[in-house]
Amino acid sequence: MTLKLLLIGLHFLALSSLVVGCASKGFNRGELSEQISVVKPVYDDKAIKDTYNKKANLPKPFKLAVYFKDPKGFQSRHAEWRWTEHDKAFMDDVAKDLKAQGLVAEVFPIIGTLVEDQNLKALRLVAAQHQADALLIVTGTGQIDRYINSWGWTYLLVLPALFVPGSEADTLFMTSASLWDVKNEFLYLTAEAEAITSDNHIAAFGKRDIELLDSAKTQALGKLKEAIKKMIQGTKFQ
């Protein structure tokens, strides 16, 4: 009898540990926001004065260089990811619309092999080498929150892990775009977009982190595309 009670107690303890240890942790939006920033702000009077002295300098139409900032180097609760050619292709639709409206004369990408440093001044130099008037920098970051749902307790029986959808994976992908004057670093406008996807799955057959991030990334970029169009349509010209 004592052994039976001990086994029941151990089973209950294991169940409690599973539920607590695998509860949803949510997303750290503050951490993610830092990761998609382009420049670190400088808080002094001179920096503020210099910023006020910068003026809009774009011709109409203007030449636009586009750079997708490499996500390498940040740490979070997710697998490594990268920008794909499919991701970057969404700018083709943006370019087509803006050219038709007479706002943009040419849109071309800045390829990674030309970039030694991803800071703003270095990227402006590469854009200048392309004779671009403006530089659009696209950034992104993502995070995955894995946990068990109300069916997760059945995983203690082992076998249900092969057929019971007791696992959840919520994925947040945040992306932003900022439009800069190549000549004087005037910031025209910024746009942000995000997407959250949820995946309910069987523990033994869950999607890989990179697959979850790619799905959320595609949705976020679809929203960013429309935001970029509105951003450039509202840009100040000479």
Protein backbone atom coordinates (compact mmCIF):
# COMPACT_ATOMS: atom_id res chain seq x y z
CA MET A 1 0.00 0.00 0.00
CA THR A 2 2.83 2.37 0.90
CA LEU A 3 4.58 1.62 -2.41
CA LYS A 4 1.37 2.31 -4.32
CA LEU A 5 0.91 5.68 -2.60
CA LEU A 6 4.53 6.52 -3.33
CA LEU A 7 4.08 5.76 -7.01
CA ILE A 8 0.91 7.87 -7.13
CA GLY A 9 2.76 10.71 -5.45
CA LEU A 10 5.66 10.51 -7.90
CA HIS A 11 3.23 10.42 -10.81
CA PHE A 12 1.44 13.52 -9.50
CA LEU A 13 4.77 15.30 -8.98
CA ALA A 14 5.86 14.48 -12.53
CA LEU A 15 2.56 15.73 -13.90
CA SER A 16 2.85 18.97 -11.93
CA SER A 17 6.40 19.51 -13.18
CA LEU A 18 5.33 18.91 -16.76
CA VAL A 19 2.47 21.41 -16.57
CA VAL A 20 4.51 24.12 -14.82
CA GLY A 21 7.68 23.58 -16.82
CA CYS A 22 5.91 23.64 -20.15
CA ALA A 23 3.54 26.56 -19.57
CA SER A 24 3.46 29.40 -22.07
CA LYS A 25 6.20 31.97 -21.41
CA GLY A 26 4.89 34.58 -23.85
CA PHE A 27 7.03 36.89 -25.97
CA ASN A 28 9.69 39.35 -24.91
CA ARG A 29 8.67 42.30 -27.07
CA GLY A 30 11.20 44.64 -25.52
CA GLU A 31 14.05 42.34 -26.51
CA LEU A 32 12.67 41.94 -30.02
CA SER A 33 12.20 45.68 -30.50
CA GLU A 34 15.87 46.25 -29.67
CA GLN A 35 16.88 43.68 -32.26
CA ILE A 36 15.10 45.41 -35.15
CA SER A 37 16.47 48.88 -34.38
CA VAL A 38 18.76 50.38 -37.02
CA VAL A 39 20.62 52.95 -34.93
CA LYS A 40 21.30 53.38 -31.23
CA PRO A 41 19.94 56.75 -30.06
CA VAL A 42 22.36 59.34 -28.65
CA TYR A 43 20.80 61.44 -25.91
CA ASP A 44 22.52 64.82 -25.95
CA ASP A 45 21.68 68.36 -27.09
CA LYS A 46 24.18 68.33 -29.96
CA ALA A 47 22.66 65.17 -31.44
CA ILE A 48 19.19 66.72 -31.23
CA LYS A 49 20.40 69.95 -32.89
CA ASP A 50 22.18 68.03 -35.66
CA THR A 51 19.01 66.03 -36.31
CA TYR A 52 16.95 69.21 -36.70
CA ASN A 53 19.48 70.55 -39.22
CA LYS A 54 18.95 67.60 -41.55
CA LYS A 55 16.47 68.35 -44.34
CA ALA A 56 14.55 66.34 -46.91
CA ASN A 57 16.63 66.06 -50.06
CA LEU A 58 14.84 63.66 -52.38
CA PRO A 59 14.19 64.35 -56.07
CA LYS A 60 11.02 63.04 -57.67
CA PRO A 61 11.33 60.37 -58.87
CA PHE A 62 14.26 59.05 -56.84
CA LYS A 63 16.58 56.06 -56.94
CA LEU A 64 16.04 53.66 -54.06
CA ALA A 65 18.53 51.15 -52.65
CA VAL A 66 17.16 48.36 -50.45
CA TYR A 67 19.08 46.41 -47.82
CA PHE A 68 17.78 43.51 -45.72
CA LYS A 69 19.75 43.63 -42.48
CA ASP A 70 21.40 40.33 -41.63
CA PRO A 71 19.77 38.79 -38.51
CA LYS A 72 22.92 37.01 -37.35
CA GLY A 73 24.21 37.67 -33.88
CA PHE A 74 21.09 38.03 -31.75
CA GLN A 75 19.98 35.45 -29.22
CA SER A 76 16.44 34.53 -28.29
CA ARG A 77 14.11 31.58 -27.90
CA HIS A 78 14.27 30.55 -31.55
CA ALA A 79 16.41 28.91 -34.18
CA GLU A 80 18.60 30.84 -36.56
CA TRP A 81 16.86 32.15 -39.68
CA ARG A 82 17.79 34.13 -42.75
CA TRP A 83 16.24 36.31 -45.43
CA THR A 84 15.41 34.24 -48.50
CA GLU A 85 15.11 35.33 -52.12
CA HIS A 86 11.36 34.80 -51.77
CA ASP A 87 11.33 37.25 -48.84
CA LYS A 88 13.18 39.89 -50.81
CA ALA A 89 10.96 39.44 -53.87
CA PHE A 90 8.12 41.31 -52.18
CA MET A 91 9.98 44.53 -53.04
CA ASP A 92 9.31 43.80 -56.72
CA ASP A 93 5.60 44.52 -56.17
CA VAL A 94 6.44 47.64 -54.18
CA ALA A 95 8.77 48.90 -56.93
CA LYS A 96 6.20 48.27 -59.66
CA ASP A 97 3.52 50.32 -57.90
CA LEU A 98 5.85 53.18 -56.96
CA LYS A 99 7.26 53.43 -60.48
CA ALA A 100 3.74 53.55 -61.92
CA GLN A 101 2.98 56.48 -59.59
CA GLY A 102 6.11 58.32 -60.69
CA LEU A 103 7.59 58.33 -57.19
CA VAL A 104 10.55 56.02 -57.78
CA ALA A 105 12.78 55.84 -60.84
CA GLU A 106 14.69 52.71 -59.92
CA VAL A 107 14.82 50.15 -57.09
CA PHE A 108 17.82 47.90 -56.63
CA PRO A 109 19.11 45.66 -53.83
CA ILE A 110 22.33 46.03 -51.89
CA ILE A 111 23.89 42.58 -51.78
CA GLY A 112 25.55 41.28 -48.65
CA THR A 113 28.99 40.77 -50.21
CA LEU A 114 29.35 44.54 -50.58
CA VAL A 115 28.63 45.21 -46.91
CA GLU A 116 31.45 45.00 -44.37
CA ASP A 117 29.55 46.69 -41.55
CA GLN A 118 25.80 46.95 -41.04
CA ASN A 119 25.79 50.32 -39.31
CA LEU A 120 23.87 53.14 -40.98
CA LYS A 121 26.86 55.15 -42.22
CA ALA A 122 28.46 52.10 -43.83
CA LEU A 123 25.20 51.20 -45.59
CA ARG A 124 24.78 54.78 -46.82
CA LEU A 125 28.25 54.60 -48.36
CA VAL A 126 27.37 51.44 -50.28
CA ALA A 127 24.08 53.04 -51.40
CA ALA A 128 26.04 56.10 -52.58
CA GLN A 129 28.29 53.85 -54.63
CA HIS A 130 25.11 52.75 -56.41
CA GLN A 131 24.20 56.44 -56.94
CA ALA A 132 21.05 55.96 -54.87
CA ASP A 133 19.14 58.91 -53.46
CA ALA A 134 17.49 56.99 -50.62
CA LEU A 135 18.19 53.84 -48.62
CA LEU A 136 15.48 51.51 -47.34
CA ILE A 137 16.66 49.24 -44.52
CA VAL A 138 14.49 46.23 -43.67
CA THR A 139 15.01 44.45 -40.36
CA GLY A 140 13.35 41.47 -38.74
CA THR A 141 13.38 39.24 -35.70
CA GLY A 142 11.29 36.38 -34.34
CA GLN A 143 10.57 34.36 -31.24
CA ILE A 144 8.88 31.02 -30.59
CA ASP A 145 6.90 30.11 -27.48
CA ARG A 146 6.48 26.32 -27.10
CA TYR A 147 4.22 24.84 -24.44
CA ILE A 148 1.69 22.06 -23.83
CA ASN A 149 -2.08 22.46 -23.94
CA SER A 150 -4.77 20.76 -21.86
CA TRP A 151 -4.01 17.43 -23.57
CA GLY A 152 -0.35 17.61 -22.68
CA TRP A 153 -0.78 15.61 -19.47
CA THR A 154 -1.33 12.50 -21.60
CA TYR A 155 2.36 12.65 -22.60
CA LEU A 156 3.15 11.12 -19.21
CA LEU A 157 1.74 7.91 -20.67
CA VAL A 158 4.42 8.12 -23.41
CA LEU A 159 2.39 6.53 -26.24
CA PRO A 160 -0.03 9.51 -26.66
CA ALA A 161 2.94 11.63 -27.65
CA LEU A 162 2.72 9.82 -30.99
CA PHE A 163 -0.88 10.78 -31.80
CA VAL A 164 -2.33 13.32 -29.32
CA PRO A 165 -2.01 17.01 -30.41
CA GLY A 166 -1.03 18.21 -26.94
CA SER A 167 1.73 20.61 -28.01
CA GLU A 168 1.48 24.27 -29.01
CA ALA A 169 3.95 26.61 -30.69
CA ASP A 170 3.16 30.32 -30.97
CA THR A 171 5.50 32.31 -33.21
CA LEU A 172 5.90 36.08 -33.32
CA PHE A 173 7.82 37.73 -36.15
CA MET A 174 8.41 41.48 -36.09
CA THR A 175 9.77 43.46 -39.02
CA SER A 176 10.44 47.12 -39.74
CA ALA A 177 11.54 49.37 -42.59
CA SER A 178 13.19 52.77 -42.36
CA LEU A 179 13.79 55.18 -45.24
CA TRP A 180 16.96 57.30 -45.06
CA ASP A 181 18.43 60.03 -47.23
CA VAL A 182 21.77 58.77 -48.51
CA LYS A 183 23.41 62.20 -48.59
CA ASN A 184 22.52 63.63 -45.19
CA GLU A 185 20.99 60.77 -43.14
CA PHE A 186 17.59 62.46 -42.96
CA LEU A 187 15.04 59.94 -41.72
CA TYR A 188 11.91 60.21 -43.84
CA LEU A 189 9.58 57.67 -42.30
CA THR A 190 9.46 54.25 -40.65
CA ALA A 191 7.03 51.36 -40.92
CA GLU A 192 6.51 48.27 -38.77
CA ALA A 193 4.53 45.07 -39.09
CA GLU A 194 4.21 41.83 -37.19
CA ALA A 195 2.49 38.46 -37.42
CA ILE A 196 1.67 35.83 -34.82
CA THR A 197 1.02 32.26 -35.89
CA SER A 198 -0.10 29.30 -33.78
CA ASP A 199 0.62 25.65 -34.44
CA ASN A 200 -1.15 22.82 -32.60
CA HIS A 201 0.70 19.56 -33.14
CA ILE A 202 1.56 16.10 -31.95
CA ALA A 203 4.74 16.17 -29.84
CA ALA A 204 6.56 13.66 -32.00
CA PHE A 205 5.73 15.45 -35.25
CA GLY A 206 6.08 19.16 -34.54
CA LYS A 207 7.44 21.59 -37.11
CA ARG A 208 11.03 22.75 -36.92
CA ASP A 209 11.71 26.22 -35.54
CA ILE A 210 12.84 27.50 -38.93
CA GLU A 211 9.55 26.39 -40.52
CA LEU A 212 7.51 28.18 -37.85
CA LEU A 213 9.55 31.36 -38.24
CA ASP A 214 9.32 31.29 -42.04
CA SER A 215 5.53 31.09 -41.88
CA ALA A 216 5.23 34.05 -39.51
CA LYS A 217 7.88 35.97 -41.46
CA THR A 218 5.94 35.63 -44.73
CA GLN A 219 2.78 37.01 -43.13
CA ALA A 220 4.64 39.91 -41.49
CA LEU A 221 6.33 40.89 -44.76
CA GLY A 222 2.97 40.88 -46.53
CA LYS A 223 1.78 43.52 -44.06
CA LEU A 224 5.05 45.45 -44.28
CA LYS A 225 4.74 45.67 -48.06
CA GLU A 226 1.59 47.75 -47.80
CA ALA A 227 3.09 49.87 -45.02
CA ILE A 228 6.16 50.65 -47.15
CA LYS A 229 3.97 51.79 -50.06
CA LYS A 230 2.09 54.20 -47.80
CA MET A 231 5.36 55.34 -46.22
CA ILE A 232 6.94 56.30 -49.53
CA GLN A 233 3.73 57.87 -50.83
CA GLY A 234 3.90 60.19 -47.83
CA THR A 235 7.58 61.04 -48.28
CA LYS A 236 8.74 64.66 -48.46
CA PHE A 237 10.34 65.65 -51.75
CA GLN A 238 12.39 68.65 -52.82
